[in-house]
PDB file of all heavy atoms in Angstrom:
ATOM      1  N   ASP A   1     -20.175 -30.794 -12.269  1.00  0.00           N
ATOM      2  CA  ASP A   1     -20.731 -31.973 -12.939  1.00  0.00           C
ATOM      3  C   ASP A   1     -21.531 -31.615 -14.188  1.00  0.00           C
ATOM      4  O   ASP A   1     -21.966 -32.503 -14.918  1.00  0.00           O
ATOM      5  CB  ASP A   1     -21.648 -32.735 -11.961  1.00  0.00           C
ATOM      6  CG  ASP A   1     -20.889 -33.255 -10.744  1.00  0.00           C
ATOM      7  OD1 ASP A   1     -19.652 -33.395 -10.839  1.00  0.00           O
ATOM      8  OD2 ASP A   1     -21.533 -33.497  -9.706  1.00  0.00           O
ATOM      9  N   THR A   2     -21.742 -30.318 -14.422  1.00  0.00           N
ATOM     10  CA  THR A   2     -22.534 -29.860 -15.564  1.00  0.00           C
ATOM     11  C   THR A   2     -21.598 -29.417 -16.689  1.00  0.00           C
ATOM     12  O   THR A   2     -20.648 -28.675 -16.446  1.00  0.00           O
ATOM     13  CB  THR A   2     -23.422 -28.670 -15.158  1.00  0.00           C
ATOM     14  OG1 THR A   2     -24.231 -29.060 -14.049  1.00  0.00           O
ATOM     15  CG2 THR A   2     -24.303 -28.231 -16.311  1.00  0.00           C
ATOM     16  N   PRO A   3     -21.811 -29.875 -17.922  1.00  0.00           N
ATOM     17  CA  PRO A   3     -20.899 -29.489 -19.013  1.00  0.00           C
ATOM     18  C   PRO A   3     -21.006 -28.008 -19.351  1.00  0.00           C
ATOM     19  O   PRO A   3     -22.028 -27.365 -19.115  1.00  0.00           O
ATOM     20  CB  PRO A   3     -21.365 -30.367 -20.181  1.00  0.00           C
ATOM     21  CG  PRO A   3     -22.793 -30.685 -19.883  1.00  0.00           C
ATOM     22  CD  PRO A   3     -22.888 -30.789 -18.389  1.00  0.00           C
ATOM     23  N   PHE A   4     -19.910 -27.469 -19.914  1.00  0.00           N
ATOM     24  CA  PHE A   4     -19.940 -26.102 -20.424  1.00  0.00           C
ATOM     25  C   PHE A   4     -20.870 -26.029 -21.635  1.00  0.00           C
ATOM     26  O   PHE A   4     -21.072 -27.005 -22.360  1.00  0.00           O
ATOM     27  CB  PHE A   4     -18.537 -25.668 -20.866  1.00  0.00           C
ATOM     28  CG  PHE A   4     -17.620 -25.317 -19.735  1.00  0.00           C
ATOM     29  CD1 PHE A   4     -16.591 -26.172 -19.352  1.00  0.00           C
ATOM     30  CD2 PHE A   4     -17.765 -24.118 -19.057  1.00  0.00           C
ATOM     31  CE1 PHE A   4     -15.736 -25.840 -18.316  1.00  0.00           C
ATOM     32  CE2 PHE A   4     -16.912 -23.780 -18.014  1.00  0.00           C
ATOM     33  CZ  PHE A   4     -15.895 -24.645 -17.643  1.00  0.00           C
ATOM     34  N   HIS A   5     -21.433 -24.848 -21.863  1.00  0.00           N
ATOM     35  CA  HIS A   5     -22.225 -24.631 -23.070  1.00  0.00           C
ATOM     36  C   HIS A   5     -21.323 -24.682 -24.302  1.00  0.00           C
ATOM     37  O   HIS A   5     -20.126 -24.364 -24.243  1.00  0.00           O
ATOM     38  CB  HIS A   5     -22.918 -23.268 -23.014  1.00  0.00           C
ATOM     39  CG  HIS A   5     -23.930 -23.133 -21.926  1.00  0.00           C
ATOM     40  ND1 HIS A   5     -24.996 -23.984 -21.777  1.00  0.00           N
ATOM     41  CD2 HIS A   5     -24.029 -22.219 -20.906  1.00  0.00           C
ATOM     42  CE1 HIS A   5     -25.716 -23.611 -20.731  1.00  0.00           C
ATOM     43  NE2 HIS A   5     -25.150 -22.554 -20.186  1.00  0.00           N
ATOM     44  N   ASP A   6     -21.905 -25.077 -25.402  1.00  0.00           N
ATOM     45  CA  ASP A   6     -21.200 -25.123 -26.673  1.00  0.00           C
ATOM     46  C   ASP A   6     -20.781 -23.702 -27.067  1.00  0.00           C
ATOM     47  O   ASP A   6     -21.634 -22.832 -27.238  1.00  0.00           O
ATOM     48  CB  ASP A   6     -22.118 -25.719 -27.748  1.00  0.00           C
ATOM     49  CG  ASP A   6     -21.453 -25.811 -29.110  1.00  0.00           C
ATOM     50  OD1 ASP A   6     -20.284 -25.408 -29.249  1.00  0.00           O
ATOM     51  OD2 ASP A   6     -22.125 -26.289 -30.050  1.00  0.00           O
ATOM     52  N   PRO A   7     -19.480 -23.422 -27.227  1.00  0.00           N
ATOM     53  CA  PRO A   7     -19.060 -22.052 -27.551  1.00  0.00           C
ATOM     54  C   PRO A   7     -19.595 -21.567 -28.891  1.00  0.00           C
ATOM     55  O   PRO A   7     -19.733 -20.350 -29.110  1.00  0.00           O
ATOM     56  CB  PRO A   7     -17.530 -22.140 -27.560  1.00  0.00           C
ATOM     57  CG  PRO A   7     -17.224 -23.581 -27.809  1.00  0.00           C
ATOM     58  CD  PRO A   7     -18.329 -24.341 -27.134  1.00  0.00           C
ATOM     59  N   PHE A   8     -19.920 -22.505 -29.797  1.00  0.00           N
ATOM     60  CA  PHE A   8     -20.370 -22.098 -31.124  1.00  0.00           C
ATOM     61  C   PHE A   8     -21.817 -21.624 -31.149  1.00  0.00           C
ATOM     62  O   PHE A   8     -22.321 -21.214 -32.196  1.00  0.00           O
ATOM     63  CB  PHE A   8     -20.157 -23.240 -32.119  1.00  0.00           C
ATOM     64  CG  PHE A   8     -18.703 -23.558 -32.330  1.00  0.00           C
ATOM     65  CD1 PHE A   8     -18.138 -24.684 -31.746  1.00  0.00           C
ATOM     66  CD2 PHE A   8     -17.892 -22.713 -33.059  1.00  0.00           C
ATOM     67  CE1 PHE A   8     -16.801 -24.970 -31.911  1.00  0.00           C
ATOM     68  CE2 PHE A   8     -16.547 -22.978 -33.237  1.00  0.00           C
ATOM     69  CZ  PHE A   8     -15.989 -24.117 -32.658  1.00  0.00           C
ATOM     70  N   LEU A   9     -22.470 -21.652 -29.976  1.00  0.00           N
ATOM     71  CA  LEU A   9     -23.783 -21.017 -29.877  1.00  0.00           C
ATOM     72  C   LEU A   9     -23.663 -19.493 -29.897  1.00  0.00           C
ATOM     73  O   LEU A   9     -24.644 -18.796 -30.148  1.00  0.00           O
ATOM     74  CB  LEU A   9     -24.486 -21.454 -28.588  1.00  0.00           C
ATOM     75  CG  LEU A   9     -24.906 -22.928 -28.497  1.00  0.00           C
ATOM     76  CD1 LEU A   9     -25.449 -23.241 -27.104  1.00  0.00           C
ATOM     77  CD2 LEU A   9     -25.951 -23.247 -29.560  1.00  0.00           C
ATOM     78  N   MET A  10     -22.459 -18.977 -29.636  1.00  0.00           N
ATOM     79  CA  MET A  10     -22.242 -17.535 -29.615  1.00  0.00           C
ATOM     80  C   MET A  10     -22.093 -17.017 -31.040  1.00  0.00           C
ATOM     81  O   MET A  10     -21.356 -17.583 -31.850  1.00  0.00           O
ATOM     82  CB  MET A  10     -21.011 -17.182 -28.781  1.00  0.00           C
ATOM     83  CG  MET A  10     -20.906 -15.710 -28.428  1.00  0.00           C
ATOM     84  SD  MET A  10     -19.519 -15.337 -27.301  1.00  0.00           S
ATOM     85  CE  MET A  10     -20.036 -16.212 -25.828  1.00  0.00           C
ATOM     86  N   ALA A  11     -22.810 -15.944 -31.336  1.00  0.00           N
ATOM     87  CA  ALA A  11     -22.763 -15.359 -32.680  1.00  0.00           C
ATOM     88  C   ALA A  11     -21.332 -15.026 -33.066  1.00  0.00           C
ATOM     89  O   ALA A  11     -20.560 -14.507 -32.255  1.00  0.00           O
ATOM     90  CB  ALA A  11     -23.636 -14.104 -32.732  1.00  0.00           C
ATOM     91  N   ASP A  12     -20.976 -15.319 -34.303  1.00  0.00           N
ATOM     92  CA  ASP A  12     -19.659 -15.028 -34.899  1.00  0.00           C
ATOM     93  C   ASP A  12     -18.532 -15.872 -34.327  1.00  0.00           C
ATOM     94  O   ASP A  12     -17.366 -15.677 -34.703  1.00  0.00           O
ATOM     95  CB  ASP A  12     -19.289 -13.544 -34.745  1.00  0.00           C
ATOM     96  CG  ASP A  12     -19.749 -12.692 -35.918  1.00  0.00           C
ATOM     97  OD1 ASP A  12     -20.461 -13.225 -36.786  1.00  0.00           O
ATOM     98  OD2 ASP A  12     -19.403 -11.496 -35.961  1.00  0.00           O
ATOM     99  N   MET A  13     -18.817 -16.818 -33.429  1.00  0.00           N
ATOM    100  CA  MET A  13     -17.730 -17.569 -32.805  1.00  0.00           C
ATOM    101  C   MET A  13     -16.963 -18.405 -33.823  1.00  0.00           C
ATOM    102  O   MET A  13     -15.726 -18.416 -33.835  1.00  0.00           O
ATOM    103  CB  MET A  13     -18.271 -18.460 -31.684  1.00  0.00           C
ATOM    104  CG  MET A  13     -17.198 -19.285 -30.990  1.00  0.00           C
ATOM    105  SD  MET A  13     -15.915 -18.261 -30.189  1.00  0.00           S
ATOM    106  CE  MET A  13     -16.797 -17.703 -28.747  1.00  0.00           C
ATOM    107  N   GLU A  14     -17.682 -19.115 -34.683  1.00  0.00           N
ATOM    108  CA  GLU A  14     -16.986 -19.954 -35.657  1.00  0.00           C
ATOM    109  C   GLU A  14     -16.122 -19.102 -36.586  1.00  0.00           C
ATOM    110  O   GLU A  14     -14.969 -19.440 -36.879  1.00  0.00           O
ATOM    111  CB  GLU A  14     -17.990 -20.772 -36.465  1.00  0.00           C
ATOM    112  CG  GLU A  14     -17.336 -21.744 -37.441  1.00  0.00           C
ATOM    113  CD  GLU A  14     -18.329 -22.679 -38.094  1.00  0.00           C
ATOM    114  OE1 GLU A  14     -19.543 -22.555 -37.820  1.00  0.00           O
ATOM    115  OE2 GLU A  14     -17.893 -23.534 -38.896  1.00  0.00           O
ATOM    116  N   ARG A  15     -16.667 -17.988 -37.039  1.00  0.00           N
ATOM    117  CA  ARG A  15     -15.922 -17.110 -37.941  1.00  0.00           C
ATOM    118  C   ARG A  15     -14.692 -16.532 -37.232  1.00  0.00           C
ATOM    119  O   ARG A  15     -13.588 -16.514 -37.794  1.00  0.00           O
ATOM    120  CB  ARG A  15     -16.843 -15.980 -38.417  1.00  0.00           C
ATOM    121  CG  ARG A  15     -16.177 -14.945 -39.323  1.00  0.00           C
ATOM    122  CD  ARG A  15     -17.220 -13.958 -39.832  1.00  0.00           C
ATOM    123  NE  ARG A  15     -16.609 -12.815 -40.515  1.00  0.00           N
ATOM    124  CZ  ARG A  15     -16.210 -12.812 -41.778  1.00  0.00           C
ATOM    125  NH1 ARG A  15     -16.341 -13.911 -42.512  1.00  0.00           N
ATOM    126  NH2 ARG A  15     -15.679 -11.719 -42.318  1.00  0.00           N
ATOM    127  N   GLY A  16     -14.871 -16.061 -36.013  1.00  0.00           N
ATOM    128  CA  GLY A  16     -13.755 -15.478 -35.278  1.00  0.00           C
ATOM    129  C   GLY A  16     -12.683 -16.502 -34.945  1.00  0.00           C
ATOM    130  O   GLY A  16     -11.482 -16.228 -35.082  1.00  0.00           O
ATOM    131  N   ALA A  17     -13.095 -17.683 -34.479  1.00  0.00           N
ATOM    132  CA  ALA A  17     -12.130 -18.724 -34.133  1.00  0.00           C
ATOM    133  C   ALA A  17     -11.362 -19.194 -35.359  1.00  0.00           C
ATOM    134  O   ALA A  17     -10.142 -19.429 -35.293  1.00  0.00           O
ATOM    135  CB  ALA A  17     -12.843 -19.887 -33.460  1.00  0.00           C
ATOM    136  N   GLU A  18     -12.046 -19.334 -36.478  1.00  0.00           N
ATOM    137  CA  GLU A  18     -11.378 -19.761 -37.711  1.00  0.00           C
ATOM    138  C   GLU A  18     -10.342 -18.727 -38.150  1.00  0.00           C
ATOM    139  O   GLU A  18      -9.259 -19.081 -38.633  1.00  0.00           O
ATOM    140  CB  GLU A  18     -12.412 -19.978 -38.816  1.00  0.00           C
ATOM    141  CG  GLU A  18     -11.809 -20.478 -40.135  1.00  0.00           C
ATOM    142  CD  GLU A  18     -11.028 -21.763 -39.974  1.00  0.00           C
ATOM    143  OE1 GLU A  18     -11.540 -22.717 -39.358  1.00  0.00           O
ATOM    144  OE2 GLU A  18      -9.876 -21.810 -40.462  1.00  0.00           O
ATOM    145  N   ARG A  19     -10.631 -17.438 -37.958  1.00  0.00           N
ATOM    146  CA  ARG A  19      -9.662 -16.398 -38.343  1.00  0.00           C
ATOM    147  C   ARG A  19      -8.424 -16.467 -37.448  1.00  0.00           C
ATOM    148  O   ARG A  19      -7.293 -16.285 -37.923  1.00  0.00           O
ATOM    149  CB  ARG A  19     -10.314 -15.014 -38.233  1.00  0.00           C
ATOM    150  CG  ARG A  19      -9.379 -13.864 -38.617  1.00  0.00           C
ATOM    151  CD  ARG A  19      -8.968 -13.938 -40.075  1.00  0.00           C
ATOM    152  NE  ARG A  19      -7.984 -12.917 -40.441  1.00  0.00           N
ATOM    153  CZ  ARG A  19      -6.662 -13.074 -40.369  1.00  0.00           C
ATOM    154  NH1 ARG A  19      -6.161 -14.212 -39.892  1.00  0.00           N
ATOM    155  NH2 ARG A  19      -5.849 -12.107 -40.755  1.00  0.00           N
ATOM    156  N   VAL A  20      -8.613 -16.729 -36.163  1.00  0.00           N
ATOM    157  CA  VAL A  20      -7.466 -16.869 -35.262  1.00  0.00           C
ATOM    158  C   VAL A  20      -6.616 -18.068 -35.671  1.00  0.00           C
ATOM    159  O   VAL A  20      -5.382 -17.985 -35.750  1.00  0.00           O
ATOM    160  CB  VAL A  20      -7.932 -17.005 -33.798  1.00  0.00           C
ATOM    161  CG1 VAL A  20      -6.748 -17.321 -32.883  1.00  0.00           C
ATOM    162  CG2 VAL A  20      -8.629 -15.732 -33.331  1.00  0.00           C
ATOM    163  N   LEU A  21      -7.266 -19.192 -35.951  1.00  0.00           N
ATOM    164  CA  LEU A  21      -6.519 -20.394 -36.332  1.00  0.00           C
ATOM    165  C   LEU A  21      -5.796 -20.199 -37.660  1.00  0.00           C
ATOM    166  O   LEU A  21      -4.684 -20.705 -37.860  1.00  0.00           O
ATOM    167  CB  LEU A  21      -7.461 -21.592 -36.407  1.00  0.00           C
ATOM    168  CG  LEU A  21      -7.984 -22.086 -35.052  1.00  0.00           C
ATOM    169  CD1 LEU A  21      -9.017 -23.184 -35.253  1.00  0.00           C
ATOM    170  CD2 LEU A  21      -6.830 -22.593 -34.186  1.00  0.00           C
ATOM    171  N   CYS A  22      -6.418 -19.473 -38.573  1.00  0.00           N
ATOM    172  CA  CYS A  22      -5.776 -19.170 -39.853  1.00  0.00           C
ATOM    173  C   CYS A  22      -4.486 -18.381 -39.614  1.00  0.00           C
ATOM    174  O   CYS A  22      -3.442 -18.653 -40.230  1.00  0.00           O
ATOM    175  CB  CYS A  22      -6.738 -18.390 -40.741  1.00  0.00           C
ATOM    176  SG  CYS A  22      -6.065 -17.955 -42.359  1.00  0.00           S
ATOM    177  N   ALA A  23      -4.551 -17.406 -38.704  1.00  0.00           N
ATOM    178  CA  ALA A  23      -3.355 -16.619 -38.383  1.00  0.00           C
ATOM    179  C   ALA A  23      -2.286 -17.485 -37.733  1.00  0.00           C
ATOM    180  O   ALA A  23      -1.090 -17.318 -37.996  1.00  0.00           O
ATOM    181  CB  ALA A  23      -3.738 -15.459 -37.460  1.00  0.00           C
ATOM    182  N   VAL A  24      -2.711 -18.417 -36.876  1.00  0.00           N
ATOM    183  CA  VAL A  24      -1.754 -19.321 -36.230  1.00  0.00           C
ATOM    184  C   VAL A  24      -1.049 -20.178 -37.285  1.00  0.00           C
ATOM    185  O   VAL A  24       0.189 -20.314 -37.289  1.00  0.00           O
ATOM    186  CB  VAL A  24      -2.466 -20.206 -35.190  1.00  0.00           C
ATOM    187  CG1 VAL A  24      -1.531 -21.306 -34.690  1.00  0.00           C
ATOM    188  CG2 VAL A  24      -2.974 -19.359 -34.024  1.00  0.00           C
ATOM    189  N   ARG A  25      -1.827 -20.742 -38.201  1.00  0.00           N
ATOM    190  CA  ARG A  25      -1.246 -21.632 -39.219  1.00  0.00           C
ATOM    191  C   ARG A  25      -0.317 -20.882 -40.158  1.00  0.00           C
ATOM    192  O   ARG A  25       0.682 -21.423 -40.627  1.00  0.00           O
ATOM    193  CB  ARG A  25      -2.381 -22.297 -40.000  1.00  0.00           C
ATOM    194  CG  ARG A  25      -3.259 -23.221 -39.156  1.00  0.00           C
ATOM    195  CD  ARG A  25      -4.482 -23.661 -39.939  1.00  0.00           C
ATOM    196  NE  ARG A  25      -5.453 -24.361 -39.078  1.00  0.00           N
ATOM    197  CZ  ARG A  25      -6.763 -24.168 -39.159  1.00  0.00           C
ATOM    198  NH1 ARG A  25      -7.274 -23.310 -40.047  1.00  0.00           N
ATOM    199  NH2 ARG A  25      -7.572 -24.840 -38.357  1.00  0.00           N
ATOM    200  N   ARG A  26      -0.627 -19.614 -40.454  1.00  0.00           N
ATOM    201  CA  ARG A  26       0.196 -18.826 -41.382  1.00  0.00           C
ATOM    202  C   ARG A  26       1.324 -18.063 -40.676  1.00  0.00           C
ATOM    203  O   ARG A  26       2.080 -17.350 -41.339  1.00  0.00           O
ATOM    204  CB  ARG A  26      -0.695 -17.814 -42.119  1.00  0.00           C
ATOM    205  CG  ARG A  26      -1.738 -18.435 -43.032  1.00  0.00           C
ATOM    206  CD  ARG A  26      -2.623 -17.334 -43.615  1.00  0.00           C
ATOM    207  NE  ARG A  26      -3.648 -17.865 -44.503  1.00  0.00           N
ATOM    208  CZ  ARG A  26      -4.630 -17.131 -45.049  1.00  0.00           C
ATOM    209  NH1 ARG A  26      -4.685 -15.821 -44.780  1.00  0.00           N
ATOM    210  NH2 ARG A  26      -5.525 -17.683 -45.832  1.00  0.00           N
ATOM    211  N   ASP A  27       1.405 -18.209 -39.371  1.00  0.00           N
ATOM    212  CA  ASP A  27       2.395 -17.480 -38.582  1.00  0.00           C
ATOM    213  C   ASP A  27       2.239 -15.966 -38.736  1.00  0.00           C
ATOM    214  O   ASP A  27       3.213 -15.216 -38.728  1.00  0.00           O
ATOM    215  CB  ASP A  27       3.818 -17.900 -38.965  1.00  0.00           C
ATOM    216  CG  ASP A  27       4.834 -17.484 -37.892  1.00  0.00           C
ATOM    217  OD1 ASP A  27       4.469 -17.504 -36.706  1.00  0.00           O
ATOM    218  OD2 ASP A  27       5.969 -17.123 -38.259  1.00  0.00           O
ATOM    219  N   GLU A  28       0.969 -15.515 -38.867  1.00  0.00           N
ATOM    220  CA  GLU A  28       0.697 -14.083 -38.936  1.00  0.00           C
ATOM    221  C   GLU A  28       0.817 -13.474 -37.536  1.00  0.00           C
ATOM    222  O   GLU A  28       0.366 -14.076 -36.553  1.00  0.00           O
ATOM    223  CB  GLU A  28      -0.722 -13.821 -39.461  1.00  0.00           C
ATOM    224  CG  GLU A  28      -0.944 -14.191 -40.896  1.00  0.00           C
ATOM    225  CD  GLU A  28      -2.384 -13.934 -41.339  1.00  0.00           C
ATOM    226  OE1 GLU A  28      -3.238 -13.666 -40.456  1.00  0.00           O
ATOM    227  OE2 GLU A  28      -2.641 -13.991 -42.536  1.00  0.00           O
ATOM    228  N   PRO A  29       1.372 -12.284 -37.429  1.00  0.00           N
ATOM    229  CA  PRO A  29       1.431 -11.629 -36.111  1.00  0.00           C
ATOM    230  C   PRO A  29       0.021 -11.325 -35.589  1.00  0.00           C
ATOM    231  O   PRO A  29      -0.791 -10.707 -36.281  1.00  0.00           O
ATOM    232  CB  PRO A  29       2.207 -10.343 -36.392  1.00  0.00           C
ATOM    233  CG  PRO A  29       2.957 -10.601 -37.660  1.00  0.00           C
ATOM    234  CD  PRO A  29       2.077 -11.505 -38.462  1.00  0.00           C
ATOM    235  N   ILE A  30      -0.249 -11.782 -34.376  1.00  0.00           N
ATOM    236  CA  ILE A  30      -1.529 -11.546 -33.706  1.00  0.00           C
ATOM    237  C   ILE A  30      -1.266 -10.655 -32.495  1.00  0.00           C
ATOM    238  O   ILE A  30      -0.316 -10.882 -31.747  1.00  0.00           O
ATOM    239  CB  ILE A  30      -2.172 -12.866 -33.237  1.00  0.00           C
ATOM    240  CG1 ILE A  30      -2.340 -13.850 -34.399  1.00  0.00           C
ATOM    241  CG2 ILE A  30      -3.509 -12.605 -32.536  1.00  0.00           C
ATOM    242  CD1 ILE A  30      -2.744 -15.246 -33.950  1.00  0.00           C
TER     243      ILE A  30
END
């Protein structure tokens, strides 16, 4: 019944997630 913590509270999360999504959009090999 308790929500998960906001993942963006973790240091570098926004930067890291954005880099993964950029690779997904560009079809870069991950």
